[in-house]
Amino acid sequence: MGVFETLQERGLIAQMTNEEKIKDLLNNQKIHFYIGFDPTADSLHVGHFIQIMVMSHLQKAGHIPIALFGGGTGMIGDPSGKTDMRKMLTGETIEHNIDCFQKQMSHLIDFSDNKAIMVNNANWLLNLNYIDFLRDIGIHFSVNRMLSFECYKQRLERGLSFFELNYMIMQSYDFLVLNEKYNCILELGGDDQWSNIIGGVELIRRKKSKEAFGMTFTLLTNSEGKKMGKTENGAVWLDAKKTSPYDFYQYWRNVDDKDVIKCLKMLTFLPINEINELEKLQGSELNIAKEKLAFEITSLIHGKDEAIKVQNAAKSIFCSGEDTDNLPSTTINIDAFTDNNISVIDLLVISKLVPSKGEARRLIEQGGISILFKNSTKKVENIYDLVSLEEFNDNFIIIKKGKKTFNKIVVNK
């Protein structure tokens, strides 16, 4: 089975400009392809992970990925899927974010011996002469056609700036530059990038009289059609400093029953026949599939050793004296205490188990918070409950939110 069929079997492919040609390219030739990453934060997140998985599948099949980082396009911001204009980032912030992206990407894709390439579109976009660019490239884009695309159409009621209207032209120009420099003939991206990818394919045809291709892959959504990779505390990041390996593991361990098989296919390299066996599990047995999913993805992002640690931590029970070293933790200073006491609500907010005191009160009133001491577990039933400094045995306690979320609170004395 070729890599094209592998991507199809795993449910990764959404749309293609020419299925027959793309299938031949991927199964029978060795090509350069590219995926763009705009540096809107200082870490890749779960939403990028499908793109990385596709890159990896194709690289394993002998193709050469080009990871394009948007040092230029990031100055504008892609309006696709956004109801408002993105926050404008400074050049320094964009450079820092790209540096973080590059370091993360190096751990996930093999860039040795020219097996993959990193580029920054700032190298050709930031020094363009605007009038020359409009005469050479802008002339090939119909504003009427651009406004018919979903990425712009949904913004017209709220307001679309001319600034953002340039984004599609610049992304299309990226494809042209990479085609000229590396003979890159395939652009990939999430399905929300379809119109931008079409723009590049058509620009190459008009400017170079050459055929180029585009393919999008399925967005990571749950069974209700909502994007995955979000928690009440924000995005699920690939950087361990922003989302701990334990929290990362727990996110996948707690996915909905309806999503676990899809995620196993799209986000792991587990053989399909093994996934098909896991798909037969029903009811509580699905926890086996969820643990497999969490372990496999955590291994890919944080390494197998770290995945083993957090899996053991997730299964551990504090009261039995098992190891808690790998639980996510929060350190508080002794001056956070008043008369040697601190409120449970303050602990919940400080540990970021909840986003606000109001949410903390709601969870306590619903019976969703427990505290694990060295020799006992206490369900918090009163929003005014306090924890004394003396109760921090060995300088820590563990707060449990719901059934599966833990945070180790350590006192820095």
Protein backbone atom coordinates (compact mmCIF):
# COMPACT_ATOMS: atom_id res chain seq x y z
CA MET A 1 0.00 0.00 0.00
CA GLY A 2 1.31 3.44 -0.96
CA VAL A 3 1.52 6.49 1.26
CA PHE A 4 -1.49 8.03 -0.48
CA GLU A 5 -3.62 5.09 0.59
CA THR A 6 -2.14 5.30 4.10
CA LEU A 7 -3.26 8.92 4.41
CA GLN A 8 -6.70 8.00 3.09
CA GLU A 9 -7.07 5.00 5.37
CA ARG A 10 -6.25 7.14 8.37
CA GLY A 11 -8.86 9.73 7.43
CA LEU A 12 -6.29 12.49 6.92
CA ILE A 13 -7.16 13.69 3.40
CA ALA A 14 -9.95 16.25 2.95
CA GLN A 15 -9.66 17.89 -0.51
CA MET A 16 -7.33 17.66 -3.52
CA THR A 17 -6.88 19.66 -6.71
CA ASN A 18 -6.21 16.53 -8.79
CA GLU A 19 -6.59 13.19 -7.03
CA GLU A 20 -5.15 11.02 -9.81
CA LYS A 21 -2.01 13.15 -10.26
CA ILE A 22 -1.43 13.59 -6.52
CA LYS A 23 -1.81 9.85 -5.95
CA ASP A 24 0.84 9.19 -8.62
CA LEU A 25 3.18 11.83 -7.21
CA LEU A 26 2.99 10.49 -3.66
CA ASN A 27 3.12 6.78 -4.49
CA ASN A 28 5.56 6.72 -7.41
CA GLN A 29 7.77 9.81 -7.30
CA LYS A 30 9.99 11.78 -4.92
CA ILE A 31 8.86 15.38 -4.58
CA HIS A 32 9.30 18.50 -2.49
CA PHE A 33 6.12 19.61 -0.70
CA TYR A 34 5.49 22.36 1.79
CA ILE A 35 3.34 23.24 4.79
CA GLY A 36 3.24 26.72 6.30
CA PHE A 37 3.28 27.58 10.00
CA ASP A 38 2.52 31.13 11.06
CA PRO A 39 4.32 31.99 14.34
CA THR A 40 1.32 33.30 16.29
CA ALA A 41 2.65 31.89 19.61
CA ASP A 42 5.92 30.64 21.09
CA SER A 43 4.95 26.98 20.77
CA LEU A 44 3.29 24.64 18.33
CA HIS A 45 -0.03 23.29 19.60
CA VAL A 46 -2.27 20.28 19.05
CA GLY A 47 -3.83 21.96 16.01
CA HIS A 48 -0.44 21.76 14.27
CA PHE A 49 0.03 18.11 15.10
CA ILE A 50 -1.93 16.69 12.14
CA GLN A 51 0.27 18.76 9.81
CA ILE A 52 3.37 17.31 11.45
CA MET A 53 1.98 13.77 11.20
CA VAL A 54 1.30 14.22 7.47
CA MET A 55 4.82 15.59 6.99
CA SER A 56 6.23 12.58 8.81
CA HIS A 57 4.19 10.05 6.79
CA LEU A 58 5.38 11.61 3.53
CA GLN A 59 8.98 11.91 4.68
CA LYS A 60 9.02 8.22 5.61
CA ALA A 61 7.84 7.53 2.06
CA GLY A 62 10.86 9.36 0.62
CA HIS A 63 9.43 12.83 -0.03
CA ILE A 64 11.15 16.02 1.15
CA PRO A 65 9.13 18.31 3.44
CA ILE A 66 9.61 22.06 3.43
CA ALA A 67 8.52 23.62 6.72
CA LEU A 68 7.77 27.25 5.95
CA PHE A 69 7.67 29.63 8.90
CA GLY A 70 5.71 32.82 8.34
CA GLY A 71 8.08 35.57 9.36
CA GLY A 72 6.43 37.69 6.66
CA THR A 73 2.83 36.45 6.58
CA GLY A 74 2.85 36.45 10.39
CA MET A 75 3.09 40.24 10.17
CA ILE A 76 -0.44 40.21 8.74
CA GLY A 77 -2.13 37.14 10.16
CA ASP A 78 -4.36 34.68 8.33
CA PRO A 79 -8.04 35.75 8.48
CA SER A 80 -9.21 32.15 7.79
CA GLY A 81 -11.56 30.94 10.49
CA LYS A 82 -11.30 34.20 12.46
CA THR A 83 -14.22 36.50 13.26
CA ASP A 84 -11.92 39.43 14.06
CA MET A 85 -8.53 40.63 12.90
CA ARG A 86 -5.65 38.84 14.58
CA LYS A 87 -3.53 40.73 17.07
CA MET A 88 -0.56 42.29 15.30
CA LEU A 89 2.76 40.92 16.54
CA THR A 90 6.07 42.79 16.65
CA GLY A 91 8.99 41.65 14.52
CA GLU A 92 10.90 40.64 17.64
CA THR A 93 8.02 38.49 18.88
CA ILE A 94 7.69 36.80 15.49
CA GLU A 95 11.42 36.03 15.38
CA HIS A 96 11.29 34.55 18.89
CA ASN A 97 8.26 32.42 18.02
CA ILE A 98 9.91 31.12 14.85
CA ASP A 99 12.99 30.14 16.84
CA CYS A 100 10.75 28.17 19.22
CA PHE A 101 8.91 26.52 16.31
CA GLN A 102 12.16 25.52 14.64
CA LYS A 103 13.51 23.88 17.78
CA GLN A 104 10.28 21.93 18.31
CA MET A 105 10.04 20.91 14.67
CA SER A 106 13.59 19.57 14.76
CA HIS A 107 12.51 17.01 17.35
CA LEU A 108 9.56 15.84 15.26
CA ILE A 109 10.87 15.83 11.67
CA ASP A 110 14.26 14.58 10.45
CA PHE A 111 16.16 17.58 9.00
CA SER A 112 19.52 15.80 8.71
CA ASP A 113 21.23 15.37 5.33
CA ASN A 114 18.66 17.58 3.54
CA LYS A 115 15.84 15.14 4.30
CA ALA A 116 13.73 18.20 5.12
CA ILE A 117 14.11 21.95 4.74
CA MET A 118 13.23 24.94 6.93
CA VAL A 119 12.54 28.32 5.32
CA ASN A 120 11.27 31.69 6.53
CA ASN A 121 9.12 33.70 4.11
CA ALA A 122 10.39 36.92 5.69
CA ASN A 123 13.45 36.39 3.50
CA TRP A 124 11.46 37.24 0.36
CA LEU A 125 8.32 39.03 1.60
CA LEU A 126 9.76 41.79 3.80
CA ASN A 127 11.93 43.31 1.09
CA LEU A 128 9.35 43.37 -1.72
CA ASN A 129 8.78 46.56 -3.68
CA TYR A 130 5.04 47.03 -3.29
CA ILE A 131 4.33 48.54 -6.71
CA ASP A 132 6.44 45.93 -8.49
CA PHE A 133 4.73 43.18 -6.48
CA LEU A 134 1.27 44.44 -7.42
CA ARG A 135 2.22 44.65 -11.11
CA ASP A 136 3.88 41.24 -11.16
CA ILE A 137 1.71 39.19 -8.78
CA GLY A 138 -1.38 41.16 -7.73
CA ILE A 139 -2.59 41.44 -11.30
CA HIS A 140 -3.35 37.69 -11.30
CA PHE A 141 -5.89 37.91 -8.45
CA SER A 142 -9.56 38.84 -8.90
CA VAL A 143 -10.98 40.63 -5.86
CA ASN A 144 -14.45 39.34 -6.74
CA ARG A 145 -13.17 35.77 -6.73
CA MET A 146 -11.21 36.28 -3.51
CA LEU A 147 -14.29 37.61 -1.72
CA SER A 148 -16.25 34.54 -2.80
CA PHE A 149 -13.94 32.30 -0.77
CA GLU A 150 -15.19 31.25 2.65
CA CYS A 151 -12.11 32.59 4.47
CA TYR A 152 -13.07 36.14 3.43
CA LYS A 153 -16.83 35.82 3.00
CA GLN A 154 -17.43 35.07 6.68
CA ARG A 155 -15.53 38.22 7.63
CA LEU A 156 -17.37 40.70 5.43
CA GLU A 157 -20.16 41.36 7.93
CA ARG A 158 -17.72 42.03 10.79
CA GLY A 159 -15.27 43.94 8.65
CA LEU A 160 -12.35 42.79 6.53
CA SER A 161 -9.34 45.08 6.28
CA PHE A 162 -7.38 45.61 3.08
CA PHE A 163 -4.38 44.63 5.17
CA GLU A 164 -5.78 41.10 5.63
CA LEU A 165 -6.91 40.87 2.01
CA ASN A 166 -3.23 40.68 1.07
CA TYR A 167 -2.73 37.44 3.03
CA MET A 168 -3.92 35.10 0.26
CA ILE A 169 -1.71 36.83 -2.29
CA MET A 170 1.35 36.51 -0.07
CA GLN A 171 0.72 32.84 0.73
CA SER A 172 0.25 32.16 -2.98
CA TYR A 173 3.52 33.97 -3.67
CA ASP A 174 5.22 31.69 -1.12
CA PHE A 175 4.24 28.67 -3.22
CA LEU A 176 5.59 30.36 -6.36
CA VAL A 177 8.94 31.14 -4.69
CA LEU A 178 9.30 27.58 -3.36
CA ASN A 179 8.37 26.20 -6.76
CA GLU A 180 11.12 28.26 -8.39
CA LYS A 181 13.75 27.57 -5.73
CA TYR A 182 13.11 23.92 -4.83
CA ASN A 183 10.75 22.69 -7.58
CA CYS A 184 8.12 22.34 -4.85
CA ILE A 185 4.96 21.18 -6.60
CA LEU A 186 2.59 20.36 -3.73
CA GLU A 187 1.23 22.56 -0.96
CA LEU A 188 -0.49 20.96 2.01
CA GLY A 189 -2.52 22.49 4.81
CA GLY A 190 -5.56 22.19 7.00
CA ASP A 191 -8.92 22.23 5.23
CA ASP A 192 -9.45 25.85 6.26
CA GLN A 193 -6.50 26.69 3.96
CA TRP A 194 -8.17 25.39 0.79
CA SER A 195 -8.78 28.81 -0.81
CA ASN A 196 -5.25 30.04 0.00
CA ILE A 197 -3.77 26.86 -1.49
CA ILE A 198 -5.91 27.21 -4.64
CA GLY A 199 -4.52 30.74 -5.00
CA GLY A 200 -0.95 29.42 -5.10
CA VAL A 201 -1.76 26.61 -7.53
CA GLU A 202 -3.39 29.07 -9.93
CA LEU A 203 -0.58 31.63 -9.58
CA ILE A 204 2.05 29.05 -10.60
CA ARG A 205 -0.07 28.04 -13.59
CA ARG A 206 -0.48 31.65 -14.73
CA LYS A 207 3.10 32.80 -14.09
CA LYS A 208 5.08 29.68 -15.04
CA SER A 209 2.65 27.71 -17.22
CA LYS A 210 3.40 24.78 -14.91
CA GLU A 211 1.16 22.39 -13.05
CA ALA A 212 1.19 22.49 -9.26
CA PHE A 213 -1.06 20.77 -6.78
CA GLY A 214 -2.79 21.31 -3.47
CA MET A 215 -4.16 18.97 -0.85
CA THR A 216 -5.82 19.67 2.47
CA PHE A 217 -6.20 17.40 5.43
CA THR A 218 -8.96 16.95 7.92
CA LEU A 219 -9.16 19.46 10.76
CA LEU A 220 -8.90 17.96 14.23
CA THR A 221 -12.47 18.19 15.47
CA ASN A 222 -14.49 16.18 17.95
CA SER A 223 -17.71 14.28 17.25
CA GLU A 224 -19.66 17.54 17.67
CA GLY A 225 -17.60 19.33 15.02
CA LYS A 226 -15.70 21.53 17.49
CA LYS A 227 -11.96 21.96 17.22
CA MET A 228 -9.97 19.74 19.58
CA GLY A 229 -6.93 20.88 21.50
CA LYS A 230 -8.63 23.39 23.78
CA THR A 231 -9.16 23.19 27.54
CA GLU A 232 -10.64 25.63 30.03
CA ASN A 233 -7.08 26.84 30.59
CA GLY A 234 -6.42 27.43 26.87
CA ALA A 235 -4.65 25.55 24.09
CA VAL A 236 -2.95 22.18 24.51
CA TRP A 237 0.66 23.06 23.65
CA LEU A 238 3.48 20.79 22.50
CA ASP A 239 5.94 22.69 24.74
CA ALA A 240 6.26 20.94 28.10
CA LYS A 241 6.65 24.31 29.83
CA LYS A 242 3.24 25.47 28.57
CA THR A 243 1.35 22.17 28.87
CA SER A 244 3.00 19.66 31.20
CA PRO A 245 3.53 16.11 29.86
CA TYR A 246 1.10 14.90 32.53
CA ASP A 247 -1.63 17.34 31.45
CA PHE A 248 -0.87 16.51 27.81
CA TYR A 249 -1.29 12.79 28.53
CA GLN A 250 -4.47 13.40 30.50
CA TYR A 251 -6.00 15.45 27.69
CA TRP A 252 -5.83 12.45 25.34
CA ARG A 253 -6.71 9.98 28.09
CA ASN A 254 -9.98 11.87 28.60
CA VAL A 255 -11.13 12.28 24.99
CA ASP A 256 -14.73 11.40 24.25
CA ASP A 257 -15.47 7.75 23.47
CA LYS A 258 -16.61 8.76 19.98
CA ASP A 259 -13.26 10.40 19.15
CA VAL A 260 -10.67 7.92 20.38
CA ILE A 261 -10.44 5.70 17.26
CA LYS A 262 -10.31 8.69 14.91
CA CYS A 263 -7.49 10.19 16.97
CA LEU A 264 -5.59 6.88 17.00
CA LYS A 265 -5.74 6.80 13.20
CA MET A 266 -4.83 10.43 12.62
CA LEU A 267 -2.36 11.15 15.41
CA THR A 268 -0.36 7.95 15.92
CA PHE A 269 1.65 5.52 13.82
CA LEU A 270 -0.09 2.55 15.41
CA PRO A 271 -0.82 -0.05 12.69
CA ILE A 272 -4.35 0.10 11.33
CA ASN A 273 -5.01 -3.56 12.12
CA GLU A 274 -4.21 -2.88 15.78
CA ILE A 275 -6.49 0.16 15.78
CA ASN A 276 -9.25 -1.93 14.21
CA GLU A 277 -8.98 -4.37 17.11
CA LEU A 278 -9.22 -1.50 19.61
CA GLU A 279 -12.31 -0.24 17.77
CA LYS A 280 -14.14 -3.43 18.82
CA LEU A 281 -13.93 -2.41 22.49
CA GLN A 282 -17.12 -1.19 24.12
CA GLY A 283 -18.08 0.61 27.32
CA SER A 284 -15.43 0.80 30.03
CA GLU A 285 -13.09 -1.33 27.90
CA LEU A 286 -12.60 1.78 25.71
CA ASN A 287 -10.31 3.05 28.47
CA ILE A 288 -7.70 0.63 27.09
CA ALA A 289 -7.87 2.45 23.74
CA LYS A 290 -7.73 5.85 25.44
CA GLU A 291 -4.64 4.88 27.45
CA LYS A 292 -3.02 3.64 24.25
CA LEU A 293 -3.85 6.90 22.49
CA ALA A 294 -2.50 9.04 25.34
CA PHE A 295 0.69 6.98 25.61
CA GLU A 296 1.41 6.96 21.87
CA ILE A 297 0.92 10.71 21.36
CA THR A 298 2.83 11.63 24.53
CA SER A 299 5.68 9.38 23.37
CA LEU A 300 5.82 11.17 20.01
CA ILE A 301 5.89 14.64 21.57
CA HIS A 302 7.76 14.15 24.85
CA GLY A 303 9.60 10.84 24.37
CA LYS A 304 8.83 7.32 25.51
CA ASP A 305 10.55 7.65 28.90
CA GLU A 306 8.45 10.69 29.79
CA ALA A 307 5.30 8.95 28.56
CA ILE A 308 6.00 6.00 30.87
CA LYS A 309 6.52 8.38 33.80
CA VAL A 310 3.29 10.28 33.30
CA GLN A 311 1.31 7.13 32.59
CA ASN A 312 2.48 5.69 35.90
CA ALA A 313 1.70 8.98 37.64
CA ALA A 314 -1.79 9.02 36.11
CA LYS A 315 -2.44 5.53 37.46
CA SER A 316 -0.97 6.21 40.88
CA ILE A 317 -3.09 6.78 43.98
CA PHE A 318 -1.54 9.20 46.42
CA CYS A 319 -3.01 7.59 49.50
CA SER A 320 -1.28 4.30 48.73
CA GLY A 321 2.07 6.03 48.91
CA GLU A 322 2.88 5.64 45.21
CA ASP A 323 5.21 8.01 43.40
CA THR A 324 3.81 11.50 42.74
CA ASP A 325 6.95 13.10 41.30
CA ASN A 326 5.54 13.29 37.77
CA LEU A 327 2.24 14.91 38.63
CA PRO A 328 1.88 18.51 37.40
CA SER A 329 2.82 20.76 40.28
CA THR A 330 2.51 24.34 41.49
CA THR A 331 4.89 25.93 43.99
CA ILE A 332 3.57 28.56 46.38
CA ASN A 333 5.49 30.74 48.80
CA ILE A 334 4.80 30.69 52.50
CA ASP A 335 3.73 34.33 52.34
CA ALA A 336 0.62 33.19 50.42
CA PHE A 337 -0.70 31.96 53.78
CA THR A 338 -2.58 34.14 56.24
CA ASP A 339 -2.30 33.03 59.87
CA ASN A 340 -0.85 29.74 58.56
CA ASN A 341 -3.95 29.09 56.42
CA ILE A 342 -4.83 29.36 52.75
CA SER A 343 -8.27 28.99 51.16
CA VAL A 344 -9.05 26.11 48.84
CA ILE A 345 -10.41 28.63 46.34
CA ASP A 346 -7.05 30.44 46.26
CA LEU A 347 -5.24 27.11 45.75
CA LEU A 348 -7.50 26.24 42.82
CA VAL A 349 -6.85 29.57 41.11
CA ILE A 350 -3.11 29.65 41.84
CA SER A 351 -2.69 26.13 40.44
CA LYS A 352 -4.73 27.11 37.35
CA LEU A 353 -7.07 24.19 37.90
CA VAL A 354 -9.79 26.80 37.38
CA PRO A 355 -9.71 30.13 35.54
CA SER A 356 -11.53 32.13 38.23
CA LYS A 357 -12.75 32.16 41.81
CA GLY A 358 -16.31 31.96 40.54
CA GLU A 359 -15.55 28.70 38.76
CA ALA A 360 -13.79 27.44 41.91
CA ARG A 361 -16.90 28.13 44.00
CA ARG A 362 -19.10 26.37 41.43
CA LEU A 363 -16.94 23.24 41.42
CA ILE A 364 -16.82 23.08 45.21
CA GLU A 365 -20.60 23.46 45.46
CA GLN A 366 -21.01 20.65 42.93
CA GLY A 367 -18.71 18.36 44.92
CA GLY A 368 -16.02 18.29 42.26
CA ILE A 369 -12.98 19.08 44.45
CA SER A 370 -11.06 16.82 46.81
CA ILE A 371 -7.78 17.22 48.68
CA LEU A 372 -5.42 14.29 49.06
CA PHE A 373 -3.36 14.44 52.25
CA LYS A 374 -0.70 11.94 53.19
CA ASN A 375 -3.04 9.53 54.95
CA SER A 376 -6.51 10.64 53.94
CA THR A 377 -8.70 12.18 51.25
CA LYS A 378 -11.14 14.99 51.99
CA LYS A 379 -13.95 16.14 49.69
CA VAL A 380 -14.25 19.92 49.87
CA GLU A 381 -17.86 20.81 50.67
CA ASN A 382 -17.62 24.42 51.83
CA ILE A 383 -16.43 27.31 49.67
CA TYR A 384 -14.83 28.84 52.78
CA ASP A 385 -12.69 25.78 53.58
CA LEU A 386 -9.05 26.45 54.47
CA VAL A 387 -5.93 24.30 54.39
CA SER A 388 -3.43 24.86 57.18
CA LEU A 389 0.31 24.92 56.69
CA GLU A 390 0.62 21.92 59.03
CA GLU A 391 -1.52 19.84 56.65
CA PHE A 392 1.13 20.13 53.93
CA ASN A 393 2.89 16.89 54.85
CA ASP A 394 6.40 16.81 53.33
CA ASN A 395 5.53 20.34 52.17
CA PHE A 396 2.83 19.29 49.69
CA ILE A 397 -0.76 18.22 49.18
CA ILE A 398 -2.61 17.14 46.04
CA ILE A 399 -5.81 18.74 44.79
CA LYS A 400 -8.09 16.56 42.70
CA LYS A 401 -10.59 18.12 40.30
CA GLY A 402 -13.26 15.74 39.10
CA LYS A 403 -12.12 12.17 38.61
CA LYS A 404 -8.90 12.55 36.66
CA THR A 405 -7.27 15.98 37.08
CA PHE A 406 -4.61 16.40 39.77
CA ASN A 407 -2.22 19.14 40.81
CA LYS A 408 0.52 18.80 43.41
CA ILE A 409 0.75 21.96 45.55
CA VAL A 410 4.24 22.42 47.01
CA VAL A 411 5.07 25.00 49.70
CA ASN A 412 8.34 26.80 49.31
CA LYS A 413 9.41 27.47 52.89
